[in-house]
Amino acid sequence: MTSRFGLSAALTTPFDASGQIAISPMVAQARSCLAEGCGSVTLFGTTGEGASVGAVERRAVTEAMLAAGILPHQLVAGVLVDAAEDAAEQARHALQHGARNILLAPPSYFKNVGEDGLFGWFSAVFAALGPLARGVLLYNIPSVTMVQLSLGLISRLRTAFPDVVAGVKDSGGDWDYSAALLGAHRDLVILIGDERHLGRAVRIGAQGAISGMANFATGEVRAMADGRDDARVETFVLELLKYPVTPAVKVMVARKTGDERWLAVRPPLEPIASQGQQQLAAAYDRLFATEAA
């Protein structure tokens, strides 16, 4: 395992007709992403509808991945809950099974919380984990949590927990914040969630990405995680953003795999209508088929 993080696919989660996780295609998708150049896959993140996946299901998926021969260091586990006790419990299972990292979002139910409150919440999670606590990637995704992780908070957490806080995943989509984060904390593992900023972020010190587009454009995003630019990927992000992003990514995975189970989402999310599916497919073909020709 290399020291540089590289690319992790923010793995989507397929559901069968009864609404249960379809584990076999999920394992197959993980294997595909790894074979096409990802260093890891991230389970139960935003793209994986992690906030809608319960503890029993999480354990079953993780154990199925390992049983299928996916190595522990090829797994990152997203934790997207509000209670510190629940966050620690979800992280504990993944860490006990050797997961590479925990992608830990701040609590999101209470709004307008201050830095001291957030510091206290993260501290409580780490205390509950005890000696297991390690490899935590702080997850900045203010569009979902309504909380931006300030550079000051990141500094406080890494100072107080130097053996726990490994880095930050920045999915804020704000280049000025990303650049400031890299300026202040380049020695941490800084990962970029918005593919439009990925190449230039890597060139100034980011270590890669946890990417939804890596589910279906793995090679192209892998090149960007190595510091290249790709206008096709950047343009297609804008197409995805015309729709709720997680269902839109699942449209593209369904198209890639030919398996319509990927189209299903869990309430409160709703699937993309057929017209939207066709528009996404046409936009993808215009961008990527033209370049290939």
Protein backbone atom coordinates (compact mmCIF):
# COMPACT_ATOMS: atom_id res chain seq x y z
CA MET A 1 0.00 0.00 0.00
CA THR A 2 1.48 3.32 -1.03
CA SER A 3 1.51 6.39 1.18
CA ARG A 4 -0.36 8.54 -1.35
CA PHE A 5 -4.13 8.10 -1.18
CA GLY A 6 -4.97 8.24 -4.91
CA LEU A 7 -8.52 7.59 -6.10
CA SER A 8 -11.41 6.02 -4.21
CA ALA A 9 -14.75 5.39 -5.89
CA ALA A 10 -17.62 6.73 -3.80
CA LEU A 11 -19.46 3.48 -4.36
CA THR A 12 -23.17 3.62 -5.09
CA THR A 13 -25.53 1.14 -3.43
CA PRO A 14 -27.91 -1.02 -5.51
CA PHE A 15 -31.31 -2.08 -4.16
CA ASP A 16 -33.46 -5.01 -5.20
CA ALA A 17 -37.21 -4.92 -5.83
CA SER A 18 -37.93 -5.27 -2.11
CA GLY A 19 -35.68 -2.34 -1.23
CA GLN A 20 -32.90 -4.45 0.24
CA ILE A 21 -29.25 -3.95 -0.68
CA ALA A 22 -28.28 -6.10 -3.64
CA ILE A 23 -24.91 -7.20 -2.33
CA SER A 24 -23.64 -9.23 -5.30
CA PRO A 25 -23.73 -6.37 -7.84
CA MET A 26 -22.29 -4.03 -5.22
CA VAL A 27 -19.31 -6.35 -4.74
CA ALA A 28 -18.94 -6.66 -8.51
CA GLN A 29 -18.95 -2.88 -8.88
CA ALA A 30 -16.28 -2.55 -6.20
CA ARG A 31 -14.12 -5.10 -7.97
CA SER A 32 -14.61 -3.29 -11.28
CA CYS A 33 -13.57 0.09 -9.85
CA LEU A 34 -10.49 -1.44 -8.23
CA ALA A 35 -9.53 -3.25 -11.43
CA GLU A 36 -9.87 -0.02 -13.42
CA GLY A 37 -7.47 1.95 -11.26
CA CYS A 38 -9.05 2.91 -7.95
CA GLY A 39 -6.91 2.31 -4.89
CA SER A 40 -9.99 1.85 -2.73
CA VAL A 41 -13.76 2.09 -2.67
CA THR A 42 -15.71 4.17 -0.20
CA LEU A 43 -18.80 2.50 1.20
CA PHE A 44 -21.80 4.32 2.68
CA GLY A 45 -20.77 7.84 1.70
CA THR A 46 -23.09 10.46 0.24
CA THR A 47 -23.16 8.77 -3.18
CA GLY A 48 -23.70 5.45 -1.42
CA GLU A 49 -26.77 6.76 0.45
CA GLY A 50 -24.95 6.03 3.69
CA ALA A 51 -27.40 8.01 5.81
CA SER A 52 -30.10 5.54 4.70
CA VAL A 53 -28.10 2.36 5.37
CA GLY A 54 -28.54 0.81 8.79
CA ALA A 55 -25.97 -0.78 11.06
CA VAL A 56 -26.92 -4.39 10.30
CA GLU A 57 -26.75 -3.75 6.55
CA ARG A 58 -23.39 -2.01 6.88
CA ARG A 59 -21.92 -4.99 8.65
CA ALA A 60 -23.28 -7.37 6.02
CA VAL A 61 -21.89 -5.35 3.11
CA THR A 62 -18.47 -4.90 4.71
CA GLU A 63 -18.17 -8.57 5.53
CA ALA A 64 -19.32 -9.55 2.04
CA MET A 65 -16.64 -7.33 0.50
CA LEU A 66 -13.95 -8.96 2.59
CA ALA A 67 -15.29 -12.46 1.96
CA ALA A 68 -15.11 -11.73 -1.77
CA GLY A 69 -11.39 -11.06 -1.51
CA ILE A 70 -11.39 -7.27 -1.38
CA LEU A 71 -8.62 -6.30 1.01
CA PRO A 72 -9.30 -4.30 4.16
CA HIS A 73 -7.02 -1.45 3.07
CA GLN A 74 -9.13 -1.14 -0.09
CA LEU A 75 -12.17 -0.10 1.94
CA VAL A 76 -13.11 3.32 3.31
CA ALA A 77 -16.27 3.59 5.42
CA GLY A 78 -18.49 6.65 5.43
CA VAL A 79 -20.16 7.63 8.71
CA LEU A 80 -23.01 10.14 8.33
CA VAL A 81 -24.98 10.23 11.59
CA ASP A 82 -25.72 12.79 14.31
CA ALA A 83 -25.31 10.89 17.58
CA ALA A 84 -21.67 10.51 18.62
CA GLU A 85 -22.46 7.05 20.01
CA ASP A 86 -23.87 5.90 16.66
CA ALA A 87 -20.96 7.41 14.76
CA ALA A 88 -18.49 5.56 16.96
CA GLU A 89 -20.38 2.29 16.58
CA GLN A 90 -20.40 2.50 12.79
CA ALA A 91 -16.73 3.44 12.69
CA ARG A 92 -15.81 0.73 15.19
CA HIS A 93 -17.02 -2.13 13.03
CA ALA A 94 -15.13 -0.88 9.99
CA LEU A 95 -11.94 -0.26 11.95
CA GLN A 96 -12.11 -3.67 13.63
CA HIS A 97 -12.17 -5.17 10.15
CA GLY A 98 -9.13 -3.18 9.04
CA ALA A 99 -10.72 -0.45 6.92
CA ARG A 100 -8.23 2.00 5.48
CA ASN A 101 -10.08 5.13 6.62
CA ILE A 102 -13.26 6.44 8.17
CA LEU A 103 -14.94 9.29 6.29
CA LEU A 104 -16.60 11.15 9.16
CA ALA A 105 -19.13 13.92 8.51
CA PRO A 106 -20.08 16.42 11.21
CA PRO A 107 -23.57 16.21 12.72
CA SER A 108 -26.17 17.94 10.58
CA TYR A 109 -29.50 18.10 12.42
CA PHE A 110 -28.74 21.08 14.63
CA LYS A 111 -27.98 24.24 12.65
CA ASN A 112 -25.74 27.24 13.35
CA VAL A 113 -23.53 25.29 15.73
CA GLY A 114 -20.19 26.80 16.73
CA GLU A 115 -16.65 25.54 16.48
CA ASP A 116 -16.54 24.52 20.14
CA GLY A 117 -19.64 22.39 19.71
CA LEU A 118 -18.23 20.64 16.66
CA PHE A 119 -14.91 20.09 18.39
CA GLY A 120 -16.79 18.54 21.30
CA TRP A 121 -18.76 16.22 19.02
CA PHE A 122 -15.71 14.92 17.16
CA SER A 123 -13.89 14.55 20.48
CA ALA A 124 -16.76 12.44 21.82
CA VAL A 125 -16.64 10.14 18.80
CA PHE A 126 -12.89 9.65 19.16
CA ALA A 127 -13.17 9.05 22.90
CA ALA A 128 -15.85 6.41 22.33
CA LEU A 129 -13.60 4.65 19.82
CA GLY A 130 -10.71 4.65 22.24
CA PRO A 131 -7.57 2.88 20.97
CA LEU A 132 -9.33 1.89 17.73
CA ALA A 133 -9.52 5.53 16.61
CA ARG A 134 -7.33 6.14 13.56
CA GLY A 135 -7.41 7.11 9.91
CA VAL A 136 -10.25 9.62 10.17
CA LEU A 137 -10.95 11.80 7.15
CA LEU A 138 -12.99 14.83 8.22
CA TYR A 139 -15.78 15.31 5.70
CA ASN A 140 -16.49 18.87 4.56
CA ILE A 141 -19.80 18.82 2.66
CA PRO A 142 -21.68 21.95 3.71
CA SER A 143 -24.35 21.59 1.03
CA VAL A 144 -25.60 18.59 3.02
CA THR A 145 -24.56 19.24 6.61
CA MET A 146 -24.94 23.05 6.56
CA VAL A 147 -21.60 23.07 8.37
CA GLN A 148 -18.32 24.15 6.83
CA LEU A 149 -15.33 22.71 8.64
CA SER A 150 -13.26 25.80 9.36
CA LEU A 151 -9.50 25.71 9.02
CA GLY A 152 -9.36 26.59 12.71
CA LEU A 153 -11.45 23.57 13.67
CA ILE A 154 -9.31 21.28 11.53
CA SER A 155 -6.19 22.67 13.22
CA ARG A 156 -7.67 22.10 16.68
CA LEU A 157 -8.68 18.52 15.89
CA ARG A 158 -5.38 17.52 14.33
CA THR A 159 -3.47 19.07 17.25
CA ALA A 160 -5.61 17.35 19.85
CA PHE A 161 -5.80 14.02 18.00
CA PRO A 162 -2.66 13.74 15.86
CA ASP A 163 -2.87 9.94 15.66
CA VAL A 164 -6.56 9.97 14.70
CA VAL A 165 -7.11 12.75 12.15
CA ALA A 166 -5.54 11.66 8.86
CA GLY A 167 -7.02 14.19 6.48
CA VAL A 168 -9.99 16.01 5.01
CA LYS A 169 -12.34 15.23 2.15
CA ASP A 170 -13.48 18.54 0.70
CA SER A 171 -16.78 18.31 -1.17
CA GLY A 172 -17.66 21.96 -0.76
CA GLY A 173 -17.11 22.86 -4.40
CA ASP A 174 -15.49 26.17 -3.33
CA TRP A 175 -12.06 26.53 -4.91
CA ASP A 176 -10.99 29.32 -2.58
CA TYR A 177 -11.68 27.09 0.44
CA SER A 178 -9.87 24.14 -1.18
CA ALA A 179 -6.82 26.27 -1.92
CA ALA A 180 -6.77 27.67 1.62
CA LEU A 181 -7.16 24.17 3.05
CA LEU A 182 -4.19 22.96 1.04
CA GLY A 183 -2.18 26.00 2.06
CA ALA A 184 -2.79 25.35 5.74
CA HIS A 185 -2.87 21.54 5.88
CA ARG A 186 -1.02 20.17 2.88
CA ASP A 187 0.72 17.65 5.12
CA LEU A 188 -2.64 15.97 5.77
CA VAL A 189 -4.39 13.73 3.25
CA ILE A 190 -6.49 16.31 1.41
CA LEU A 191 -9.03 14.77 -0.97
CA ILE A 192 -11.27 16.57 -3.43
CA GLY A 193 -14.90 15.61 -3.95
CA ASP A 194 -15.70 18.02 -6.80
CA GLU A 195 -14.05 16.62 -9.91
CA ARG A 196 -14.03 20.07 -11.54
CA HIS A 197 -11.26 21.09 -9.14
CA LEU A 198 -9.41 17.81 -8.89
CA GLY A 199 -6.51 18.17 -11.32
CA ARG A 200 -5.35 21.59 -10.15
CA ALA A 201 -5.82 20.66 -6.49
CA VAL A 202 -3.55 17.65 -6.92
CA ARG A 203 -0.93 19.85 -8.57
CA ILE A 204 -0.72 21.95 -5.40
CA GLY A 205 -0.69 19.11 -2.94
CA ALA A 206 -3.99 17.22 -2.78
CA GLN A 207 -3.52 13.46 -2.54
CA GLY A 208 -6.44 12.43 -4.72
CA ALA A 209 -10.19 12.07 -4.52
CA ILE A 210 -13.20 10.20 -3.28
CA SER A 211 -15.29 10.51 -6.42
CA GLY A 212 -18.80 9.60 -7.51
CA MET A 213 -17.84 9.78 -11.17
CA ALA A 214 -15.20 7.13 -10.53
CA ASN A 215 -18.10 4.66 -10.55
CA PHE A 216 -18.47 5.00 -14.33
CA ALA A 217 -15.54 7.08 -15.65
CA THR A 218 -12.85 5.46 -13.58
CA GLY A 219 -9.90 5.84 -15.92
CA GLU A 220 -10.59 9.47 -16.68
CA VAL A 221 -10.99 10.44 -13.01
CA ARG A 222 -7.93 8.38 -12.10
CA ALA A 223 -5.86 10.52 -14.49
CA MET A 224 -7.22 13.66 -12.82
CA ALA A 225 -6.31 12.24 -9.42
CA ASP A 226 -2.77 12.10 -10.76
CA GLY A 227 -2.90 15.82 -11.56
CA ARG A 228 -4.22 16.02 -15.10
CA ASP A 229 -7.17 18.06 -16.34
CA ASP A 230 -10.05 16.63 -18.34
CA ALA A 231 -12.61 19.09 -19.70
CA ARG A 232 -14.98 16.23 -20.49
CA VAL A 233 -15.22 15.20 -16.85
CA GLU A 234 -15.55 18.79 -15.71
CA THR A 235 -18.38 19.40 -18.19
CA PHE A 236 -20.20 16.21 -17.29
CA VAL A 237 -20.23 17.23 -13.62
CA LEU A 238 -22.43 20.14 -14.72
CA GLU A 239 -24.79 17.67 -16.40
CA LEU A 240 -25.02 15.61 -13.21
CA LEU A 241 -25.72 18.74 -11.18
CA LYS A 242 -28.89 19.36 -13.19
CA TYR A 243 -30.36 16.48 -11.16
CA PRO A 244 -30.07 15.20 -7.59
CA VAL A 245 -26.52 13.91 -7.82
CA THR A 246 -26.75 10.50 -6.18
CA PRO A 247 -29.65 9.22 -8.34
CA ALA A 248 -27.93 10.72 -11.39
CA VAL A 249 -24.71 8.83 -10.71
CA LYS A 250 -26.75 5.66 -10.31
CA VAL A 251 -28.23 6.22 -13.78
CA MET A 252 -24.75 6.10 -15.22
CA VAL A 253 -23.78 3.00 -13.24
CA ALA A 254 -26.95 1.25 -14.43
CA ARG A 255 -26.04 2.17 -17.98
CA LYS A 256 -22.46 0.96 -17.59
CA THR A 257 -23.42 -2.36 -16.00
CA GLY A 258 -26.71 -3.00 -17.80
CA ASP A 259 -28.29 -3.70 -14.41
CA GLU A 260 -31.39 -1.64 -13.62
CA ARG A 261 -31.12 -2.38 -9.91
CA TRP A 262 -28.75 0.56 -9.79
CA LEU A 263 -31.57 2.94 -10.71
CA ALA A 264 -33.40 2.37 -7.43
CA VAL A 265 -32.82 4.74 -4.52
CA ARG A 266 -34.11 4.71 -0.97
CA PRO A 267 -36.67 7.23 0.20
CA PRO A 268 -36.52 10.13 0.70
CA LEU A 269 -34.51 10.15 -2.55
CA GLU A 270 -36.39 9.56 -5.79
CA PRO A 271 -35.10 7.97 -8.99
CA ILE A 272 -34.41 9.97 -12.13
CA ALA A 273 -37.26 9.83 -14.64
CA SER A 274 -36.67 8.17 -18.01
CA GLN A 275 -36.30 11.49 -19.83
CA GLY A 276 -33.54 12.53 -17.45
CA GLN A 277 -31.86 9.17 -17.88
CA GLN A 278 -31.83 9.66 -21.64
CA GLN A 279 -30.49 13.19 -21.36
CA LEU A 280 -27.64 12.09 -19.10
CA ALA A 281 -26.74 9.24 -21.43
CA ALA A 282 -26.79 11.51 -24.48
CA ALA A 283 -24.63 14.13 -22.76
CA TYR A 284 -22.10 11.49 -21.73
CA ASP A 285 -21.91 10.05 -25.23
CA ARG A 286 -21.45 13.50 -26.80
CA LEU A 287 -18.54 14.27 -24.51
CA PHE A 288 -16.71 10.98 -24.31
CA ALA A 289 -17.47 9.40 -27.69
CA THR A 290 -16.34 12.57 -29.48
CA GLU A 291 -13.00 12.51 -27.72
CA ALA A 292 -12.53 8.81 -28.40
CA ALA A 293 -13.18 9.37 -32.13
